[in-house]
C-alpha atoms as a PDB file:
ATOM      1  CA  MET A   1      16.827  26.779  17.859  1.00  0.00           C
ATOM      2  CA  THR A   2      18.026  27.365  21.378  1.00  0.00           C
ATOM      3  CA  GLY A   3      19.649  25.569  24.246  1.00  0.00           C
ATOM      4  CA  PHE A   4      22.819  24.357  22.524  1.00  0.00           C
ATOM      5  CA  ARG A   5      26.310  24.268  23.966  1.00  0.00           C
ATOM      6  CA  PRO A   6      28.316  26.678  21.781  1.00  0.00           C
ATOM      7  CA  SER A   7      31.582  24.959  22.692  1.00  0.00           C
ATOM      8  CA  ARG A   8      30.358  21.679  21.156  1.00  0.00           C
ATOM      9  CA  LEU A   9      27.966  22.156  18.240  1.00  0.00           C
ATOM     10  CA  THR A  10      26.378  25.240  16.713  1.00  0.00           C
ATOM     11  CA  PRO A  11      23.159  24.750  14.721  1.00  0.00           C
ATOM     12  CA  LEU A  12      22.462  26.355  11.358  1.00  0.00           C
ATOM     13  CA  ILE A  13      19.027  27.055   9.918  1.00  0.00           C
ATOM     14  CA  LEU A  14      20.185  26.515   6.333  1.00  0.00           C
ATOM     15  CA  ALA A  15      21.932  23.366   5.245  1.00  0.00           C
ATOM     16  CA  SER A  16      23.325  24.954   2.075  1.00  0.00           C
ATOM     17  CA  LEU A  17      25.701  27.516   3.599  1.00  0.00           C
ATOM     18  CA  LEU A  18      28.902  27.731   1.573  1.00  0.00           C
ATOM     19  CA  SER A  19      32.417  27.417   2.877  1.00  0.00           C
ATOM     20  CA  TYR A  20      35.758  27.356   1.151  1.00  0.00           C
ATOM     21  CA  GLY A  21      38.624  24.910   1.342  1.00  0.00           C
ATOM     22  CA  CYS A  22      41.521  23.431  -0.570  1.00  0.00           C
ATOM     23  CA  SER A  23      41.937  20.404  -2.787  1.00  0.00           C
ATOM     24  CA  ASP A  24      44.751  18.869  -4.767  1.00  0.00           C
ATOM     25  CA  SER A  25      42.408  17.644  -7.514  1.00  0.00           C
ATOM     26  CA  SER A  26      42.986  19.569 -10.722  1.00  0.00           C
ATOM     27  CA  GLY A  27      40.456  19.744 -13.510  1.00  0.00           C
ATOM     28  CA  PRO A  28      40.949  20.485 -17.231  1.00  0.00           C
ATOM     29  CA  ASN A  29      43.557  23.089 -18.133  1.00  0.00           C
ATOM     30  CA  GLY A  30      44.919  23.026 -14.593  1.00  0.00           C
ATOM     31  CA  SER A  31      41.773  24.488 -12.983  1.00  0.00           C
ATOM     32  CA  LEU A  32      40.670  23.203  -9.585  1.00  0.00           C
ATOM     33  CA  ASP A  33      37.476  21.188  -9.730  1.00  0.00           C
ATOM     34  CA  ALA A  34      35.036  20.975  -6.870  1.00  0.00           C
ATOM     35  CA  GLN A  35      34.763  17.457  -5.432  1.00  0.00           C
ATOM     36  CA  MET A  36      31.241  16.019  -5.113  1.00  0.00           C
ATOM     37  CA  ARG A  37      29.937  13.051  -3.134  1.00  0.00           C
ATOM     38  CA  TYR A  38      26.329  11.808  -3.276  1.00  0.00           C
ATOM     39  CA  VAL A  39      24.236  10.020  -0.645  1.00  0.00           C
ATOM     40  CA  ASN A  40      20.909   8.242  -1.099  1.00  0.00           C
ATOM     41  CA  ALA A  41      18.948   8.560   2.146  1.00  0.00           C
ATOM     42  CA  ILE A  42      15.526   8.414   0.456  1.00  0.00           C
ATOM     43  CA  ASN A  43      13.324   5.825   2.120  1.00  0.00           C
ATOM     44  CA  ASN A  44      10.812   3.575   0.333  1.00  0.00           C
ATOM     45  CA  THR A  45      12.631   3.595  -2.994  1.00  0.00           C
ATOM     46  CA  VAL A  46      12.453   0.656  -5.403  1.00  0.00           C
ATOM     47  CA  GLY A  47      15.866  -0.334  -6.658  1.00  0.00           C
ATOM     48  CA  THR A  48      18.534   2.318  -7.032  1.00  0.00           C
ATOM     49  CA  VAL A  49      18.271   6.090  -7.307  1.00  0.00           C
ATOM     50  CA  GLU A  50      20.357   8.130  -9.720  1.00  0.00           C
ATOM     51  CA  ILE A  51      21.860  11.103  -7.902  1.00  0.00           C
ATOM     52  CA  GLY A  52      24.171  13.629  -9.464  1.00  0.00           C
ATOM     53  CA  LEU A  53      24.536  16.878 -11.346  1.00  0.00           C
ATOM     54  CA  GLU A  54      22.882  17.772 -14.622  1.00  0.00           C
ATOM     55  CA  GLY A  55      25.644  17.344 -17.184  1.00  0.00           C
ATOM     56  CA  GLY A  56      27.427  14.846 -14.875  1.00  0.00           C
ATOM     57  CA  PRO A  57      28.782  13.262 -12.848  1.00  0.00           C
ATOM     58  CA  SER A  58      26.118  11.023 -11.288  1.00  0.00           C
ATOM     59  CA  SER A  59      25.877   7.712  -9.438  1.00  0.00           C
ATOM     60  CA  GLU A  60      23.308   4.906  -9.096  1.00  0.00           C
ATOM     61  CA  LEU A  61      22.900   4.366  -5.364  1.00  0.00           C
ATOM     62  CA  ALA A  62      20.890   1.939  -3.256  1.00  0.00           C
ATOM     63  CA  PHE A  63      19.265   3.160  -0.030  1.00  0.00           C
ATOM     64  CA  LYS A  64      21.975   4.315   2.419  1.00  0.00           C
ATOM     65  CA  GLY A  65      24.535   4.165  -0.391  1.00  0.00           C
ATOM     66  CA  GLU A  66      27.166   6.832  -0.965  1.00  0.00           C
ATOM     67  CA  SER A  67      29.494   7.553  -3.839  1.00  0.00           C
ATOM     68  CA  VAL A  68      33.172   8.422  -3.813  1.00  0.00           C
ATOM     69  CA  TYR A  69      34.177  12.035  -4.353  1.00  0.00           C
ATOM     70  CA  GLU A  70      34.246  12.969  -8.042  1.00  0.00           C
ATOM     71  CA  GLY A  71      35.480  16.103  -9.769  1.00  0.00           C
ATOM     72  CA  ALA A  72      32.825  18.605 -10.914  1.00  0.00           C
ATOM     73  CA  ALA A  73      33.184  21.946 -12.654  1.00  0.00           C
ATOM     74  CA  PRO A  74      32.769  24.835 -10.191  1.00  0.00           C
ATOM     75  CA  SER A  75      29.740  27.041 -10.924  1.00  0.00           C
ATOM     76  CA  PHE A  76      26.008  27.101 -10.276  1.00  0.00           C
ATOM     77  CA  ARG A  77      24.786  23.548 -10.899  1.00  0.00           C
ATOM     78  CA  ILE A  78      21.542  21.590 -10.689  1.00  0.00           C
ATOM     79  CA  ALA A  79      21.669  18.528  -8.442  1.00  0.00           C
ATOM     80  CA  PHE A  80      18.984  15.880  -8.945  1.00  0.00           C
ATOM     81  CA  ALA A  81      17.648  12.605  -7.618  1.00  0.00           C
ATOM     82  CA  ALA A  82      15.590  10.341  -9.897  1.00  0.00           C
ATOM     83  CA  ASP A  83      14.052   6.889  -9.525  1.00  0.00           C
ATOM     84  CA  GLN A  84      12.226   4.599 -11.941  1.00  0.00           C
ATOM     85  CA  GLU A  85       9.161   6.855 -11.867  1.00  0.00           C
ATOM     86  CA  GLY A  86      11.007  10.062 -12.688  1.00  0.00           C
ATOM     87  CA  THR A  87      12.641  12.990 -10.952  1.00  0.00           C
ATOM     88  CA  LEU A  88      12.245  13.046  -7.184  1.00  0.00           C
ATOM     89  CA  ARG A  89      13.920  16.387  -6.529  1.00  0.00           C
ATOM     90  CA  THR A  90      16.188  19.010  -8.064  1.00  0.00           C
ATOM     91  CA  SER A  91      18.227  21.592  -6.149  1.00  0.00           C
ATOM     92  CA  GLU A  92      20.304  24.511  -7.411  1.00  0.00           C
ATOM     93  CA  ILE A  93      23.695  24.604  -5.711  1.00  0.00           C
ATOM     94  CA  PHE A  94      26.931  26.528  -6.088  1.00  0.00           C
ATOM     95  CA  LEU A  95      30.248  24.696  -6.259  1.00  0.00           C
ATOM     96  CA  SER A  96      33.413  26.571  -5.342  1.00  0.00           C
ATOM     97  CA  SER A  97      36.739  25.588  -6.868  1.00  0.00           C
ATOM     98  CA  GLY A  98      38.756  23.187  -4.719  1.00  0.00           C
ATOM     99  CA  THR A  99      36.057  22.479  -2.124  1.00  0.00           C
ATOM    100  CA  HIS A 100      34.694  19.050  -1.149  1.00  0.00           C
ATOM    101  CA  TYR A 101      30.904  18.760  -0.957  1.00  0.00           C
ATOM    102  CA  THR A 102      28.256  16.188  -0.098  1.00  0.00           C
ATOM    103  CA  MET A 103      24.787  16.206  -1.655  1.00  0.00           C
ATOM    104  CA  ALA A 104      22.456  14.001   0.391  1.00  0.00           C
ATOM    105  CA  PHE A 105      18.878  13.478  -0.719  1.00  0.00           C
ATOM    106  CA  VAL A 106      16.504  12.562   2.098  1.00  0.00           C
ATOM    107  CA  GLY A 107      12.781  11.889   2.597  1.00  0.00           C
ATOM    108  CA  ARG A 108      10.310   9.354   1.246  1.00  0.00           C
ATOM    109  CA  ALA A 109       9.866   8.223  -2.331  1.00  0.00           C
ATOM    110  CA  ASP A 110       6.426   6.678  -1.817  1.00  0.00           C
ATOM    111  CA  ILE A 111       4.818  10.075  -1.149  1.00  0.00           C
ATOM    112  CA  ARG A 112       7.297  11.940  -3.395  1.00  0.00           C
ATOM    113  CA  LEU A 113       8.453  14.095  -0.477  1.00  0.00           C
ATOM    114  CA  VAL A 114      12.188  14.466  -1.002  1.00  0.00           C
ATOM    115  CA  SER A 115      14.627  17.254  -0.256  1.00  0.00           C
ATOM    116  CA  GLY A 116      18.358  17.791  -0.486  1.00  0.00           C
ATOM    117  CA  ILE A 117      20.948  18.584   2.167  1.00  0.00           C
ATOM    118  CA  PHE A 118      23.965  20.284   0.596  1.00  0.00           C
ATOM    119  CA  LEU A 119      27.101  20.174   2.747  1.00  0.00           C
ATOM    120  CA  ALA A 120      30.552  21.704   2.429  1.00  0.00           C
ATOM    121  CA  ASP A 121      32.900  19.112   3.928  1.00  0.00           C
ATOM    122  CA  ASP A 122      35.479  21.533   5.324  1.00  0.00           C
ATOM    123  CA  PRO A 123      35.735  22.204   9.073  1.00  0.00           C
ATOM    124  CA  GLY A 124      38.413  24.839   8.493  1.00  0.00           C
ATOM    125  CA  GLY A 125      41.302  22.986  10.134  1.00  0.00           C
ATOM    126  CA  GLU A 126      42.420  19.730  11.688  1.00  0.00           C
ATOM    127  CA  PRO A 127      41.330  18.370  15.089  1.00  0.00           C
ATOM    128  CA  ASP A 128      43.818  18.264  17.930  1.00  0.00           C
ATOM    129  CA  GLU A 129      45.517  15.019  18.939  1.00  0.00           C
ATOM    130  CA  ASP A 130      43.066  12.430  20.288  1.00  0.00           C
ATOM    131  CA  ARG A 131      40.186  14.601  19.106  1.00  0.00           C
ATOM    132  CA  ALA A 132      37.759  14.527  16.166  1.00  0.00           C
ATOM    133  CA  PHE A 133      35.416  16.912  14.377  1.00  0.00           C
ATOM    134  CA  VAL A 134      31.760  15.842  14.287  1.00  0.00           C
ATOM    135  CA  ARG A 135      28.603  17.503  12.971  1.00  0.00           C
ATOM    136  CA  VAL A 136      24.965  16.408  12.771  1.00  0.00           C
ATOM    137  CA  ALA A 137      22.568  16.695   9.815  1.00  0.00           C
ATOM    138  CA  GLN A 138      18.856  16.108  10.451  1.00  0.00           C
ATOM    139  CA  GLY A 139      17.511  14.264   7.421  1.00  0.00           C
ATOM    140  CA  GLY A 140      14.921  12.171   9.291  1.00  0.00           C
ATOM    141  CA  LEU A 141      11.407  13.224   8.324  1.00  0.00           C
ATOM    142  CA  GLN A 142       9.901  10.910  10.962  1.00  0.00           C
ATOM    143  CA  ALA A 143      12.177  12.243  13.710  1.00  0.00           C
ATOM    144  CA  GLY A 144      10.688  15.741  13.648  1.00  0.00           C
ATOM    145  CA  ASP A 145      12.224  18.333  15.966  1.00  0.00           C
ATOM    146  CA  VAL A 146      14.724  16.716  18.302  1.00  0.00           C
ATOM    147  CA  ASP A 147      17.260  17.472  20.994  1.00  0.00           C
ATOM    148  CA  VAL A 148      20.641  15.952  20.189  1.00  0.00           C
ATOM    149  CA  TYR A 149      23.046  14.496  22.750  1.00  0.00           C
ATOM    150  CA  LEU A 150      26.512  13.403  21.633  1.00  0.00           C
ATOM    151  CA  LEU A 151      27.737  11.434  24.611  1.00  0.00           C
ATOM    152  CA  GLU A 152      31.402  10.909  25.312  1.00  0.00           C
ATOM    153  CA  GLN A 153      32.415   8.294  27.894  1.00  0.00           C
ATOM    154  CA  GLY A 154      30.774   9.155  31.217  1.00  0.00           C
ATOM    155  CA  ASP A 155      28.212  11.570  29.735  1.00  0.00           C
ATOM    156  CA  GLU A 156      24.497  11.112  30.393  1.00  0.00           C
ATOM    157  CA  VAL A 157      21.223  12.420  28.968  1.00  0.00           C
ATOM    158  CA  ASP A 158      20.764  15.154  31.550  1.00  0.00           C
ATOM    159  CA  GLY A 159      18.483  17.765  30.025  1.00  0.00           C
ATOM    160  CA  SER A 160      21.407  19.782  28.589  1.00  0.00           C
ATOM    161  CA  PRO A 161      21.621  18.625  24.956  1.00  0.00           C
ATOM    162  CA  ASP A 162      24.412  19.572  22.575  1.00  0.00           C
ATOM    163  CA  VAL A 163      21.723  20.961  20.257  1.00  0.00           C
ATOM    164  CA  SER A 164      18.112  21.716  21.153  1.00  0.00           C
ATOM    165  CA  GLY A 165      15.336  21.763  18.565  1.00  0.00           C
ATOM    166  CA  LEU A 166      17.168  20.429  15.523  1.00  0.00           C
ATOM    167  CA  ASN A 167      14.585  20.480  12.738  1.00  0.00           C
ATOM    168  CA  TRP A 168      14.301  18.489   9.524  1.00  0.00           C
ATOM    169  CA  LEU A 169      17.050  19.596   7.081  1.00  0.00           C
ATOM    170  CA  ASP A 170      19.002  21.480   9.774  1.00  0.00           C
ATOM    171  CA  VAL A 171      22.757  20.978  10.015  1.00  0.00           C
ATOM    172  CA  THR A 172      25.180  21.865  12.784  1.00  0.00           C
ATOM    173  CA  LEU A 173      28.675  23.212  12.388  1.00  0.00           C
ATOM    174  CA  TYR A 174      31.490  20.829  13.225  1.00  0.00           C
ATOM    175  CA  GLY A 175      32.227  20.471  16.932  1.00  0.00           C
ATOM    176  CA  GLU A 176      35.338  18.965  18.491  1.00  0.00           C
ATOM    177  CA  PHE A 177      34.990  15.807  20.592  1.00  0.00           C
ATOM    178  CA  ALA A 178      37.287  13.275  22.186  1.00  0.00           C
ATOM    179  CA  SER A 179      38.083  10.421  19.813  1.00  0.00           C
ATOM    180  CA  GLY A 180      36.906   6.937  20.731  1.00  0.00           C
ATOM    181  CA  ASP A 181      33.327   5.801  21.255  1.00  0.00           C
ATOM    182  CA  LEU A 182      30.668   8.477  20.821  1.00  0.00           C
ATOM    183  CA  GLU A 183      26.933   7.819  21.174  1.00  0.00           C
ATOM    184  CA  MET A 184      24.164   9.910  19.653  1.00  0.00           C
ATOM    185  CA  VAL A 185      20.866  10.041  21.533  1.00  0.00           C
ATOM    186  CA  LEU A 186      17.809  11.887  20.224  1.00  0.00           C
ATOM    187  CA  THR A 187      14.935  12.989  22.444  1.00  0.00           C
ATOM    188  CA  ARG A 188      11.812  15.028  21.936  1.00  0.00           C
ATOM    189  CA  VAL A 189      12.457  18.729  22.457  1.00  0.00           C
ATOM    190  CA  ALA A 190      12.818  19.703  26.151  1.00  0.00           C
ATOM    191  CA  ASP A 191      11.903  16.192  27.301  1.00  0.00           C
ATOM    192  CA  PRO A 192      15.057  14.155  28.097  1.00  0.00           C
ATOM    193  CA  ASP A 193      12.952  11.148  29.122  1.00  0.00           C
ATOM    194  CA  SER A 194      11.410  10.753  25.646  1.00  0.00           C
ATOM    195  CA  VAL A 195      14.275   9.002  23.851  1.00  0.00           C
ATOM    196  CA  VAL A 196      13.409   8.354  20.191  1.00  0.00           C
ATOM    197  CA  PHE A 197      16.785   7.052  18.986  1.00  0.00           C
ATOM    198  CA  GLU A 198      20.015   5.664  20.430  1.00  0.00           C
ATOM    199  CA  SER A 199      22.871   4.947  18.063  1.00  0.00           C
ATOM    200  CA  GLY A 200      24.929   2.754  20.339  1.00  0.00           C
ATOM    201  CA  PRO A 201      28.707   3.298  20.418  1.00  0.00           C
ATOM    202  CA  LEU A 202      30.123   4.908  17.266  1.00  0.00           C
ATOM    203  CA  ALA A 203      33.866   4.473  16.722  1.00  0.00           C
ATOM    204  CA  ILE A 204      35.331   7.923  16.028  1.00  0.00           C
ATOM    205  CA  PRO A 205      39.078   7.652  15.277  1.00  0.00           C
ATOM    206  CA  SER A 206      41.596  10.254  16.396  1.00  0.00           C
ATOM    207  CA  GLY A 207      41.969  13.028  13.826  1.00  0.00           C
ATOM    208  CA  SER A 208      38.820  12.046  11.940  1.00  0.00           C
ATOM    209  CA  ILE A 209      36.071  14.262  10.528  1.00  0.00           C
ATOM    210  CA  ARG A 210      32.545  12.817  10.557  1.00  0.00           C
ATOM    211  CA  THR A 211      28.986  13.792   9.644  1.00  0.00           C
ATOM    212  CA  LEU A 212      26.192  11.990  11.503  1.00  0.00           C
ATOM    213  CA  LEU A 213      23.241  12.002   9.092  1.00  0.00           C
ATOM    214  CA  ILE A 214      19.900  11.225  10.755  1.00  0.00           C
ATOM    215  CA  ILE A 215      17.571   9.486   8.295  1.00  0.00           C
ATOM    216  CA  ASP A 216      14.259   7.643   8.141  1.00  0.00           C
ATOM    217  CA  GLY A 217      14.718   3.940   8.812  1.00  0.00           C
ATOM    218  CA  THR A 218      12.891   0.911   7.462  1.00  0.00           C
ATOM    219  CA  ALA A 219      12.280  -1.254  10.538  1.00  0.00           C
ATOM    220  CA  ALA A 220       8.955   0.417  11.470  1.00  0.00           C
ATOM    221  CA  PRO A 221       6.750   3.285  10.238  1.00  0.00           C
ATOM    222  CA  GLU A 222       8.407   5.783  12.590  1.00  0.00           C
ATOM    223  CA  ALA A 223      11.875   4.232  12.635  1.00  0.00           C
ATOM    224  CA  ILE A 224      14.956   6.444  12.728  1.00  0.00           C
ATOM    225  CA  ASP A 225      18.337   5.404  11.375  1.00  0.00           C
ATOM    226  CA  LEU A 226      21.796   6.869  10.964  1.00  0.00           C
ATOM    227  CA  ILE A 227      24.486   7.153   8.294  1.00  0.00           C
ATOM    228  CA  VAL A 228      28.013   8.002   9.430  1.00  0.00           C
ATOM    229  CA  LEU A 229      29.851   9.866   6.673  1.00  0.00           C
ATOM    230  CA  ASP A 230      33.643  10.015   6.541  1.00  0.00           C
ATOM    231  CA  ASP A 231      34.537  13.628   5.646  1.00  0.00           C
ATOM    232  CA  ASP A 232      38.325  13.150   5.899  1.00  0.00           C
END
C-alpha cells in the first residue's frame, strides 16, 4: 500500500498486530484480565450470530451489533463466530493482560466467506485538546481495494488520500484529527472521481478514540456501510 499521508494514518498489512496497554479491570486472584468486545459485521445472516471465545465469554449479536467489553483470561485463545448452520469462522488470537481488544467478524454468511479482524484498542496515549484519534478497518468484501479520504471541514477529495490501496482486512494505525464533523469518502484506487462510498458527517467528540469499520451493506448487492466503534 502506498500513497498515504504518514502524519494522518499509517496502514498495516496485518490486522492482528499486538499492542499493550493498561486496564483497571482485575480478574481472579488479582490478575489483570484482557477486555474483549465483539462485533457482528457478517452480512446475510439469519437471526443472531454467537461471537466469542471458546470457554467464554460470548455474545449473541444481530448484524451491526456490538457487545460491551468483558473480562477474558490472557493467553492464546480461539475466537469464533457461529450461526444457526454452524461455525462460520475461528481465529487464534493472543490476549495480553490489561489490554482492551475488539474482535470483529466480517464477510458474508450466505457463501460462508467470513474472516476476523482482531484489534488492540490502545492508541498509546490521549489526543490533544480539540483533537481525536481515528483509525480505519477495511471489513467490506464488496468494497475491494480503496483509497480512503477522512475529510475535516474544508477538505476535498483531491487525489491525495489519507490511505491509498486499503485492502480487505487491512487496518490503519490511529491518526490524530480535529474533533467535530469528519467525513469518510472511499474511491477506487488512484481514481478520485470514482466515489464508491460517502459516510456523510460523522460526529467525532473532542478527546475521543474511534474505529471506522467499513462493512458490506444490505441496501444493494454492492452496497458499502460503516460501523463507528467507540474505543474510549
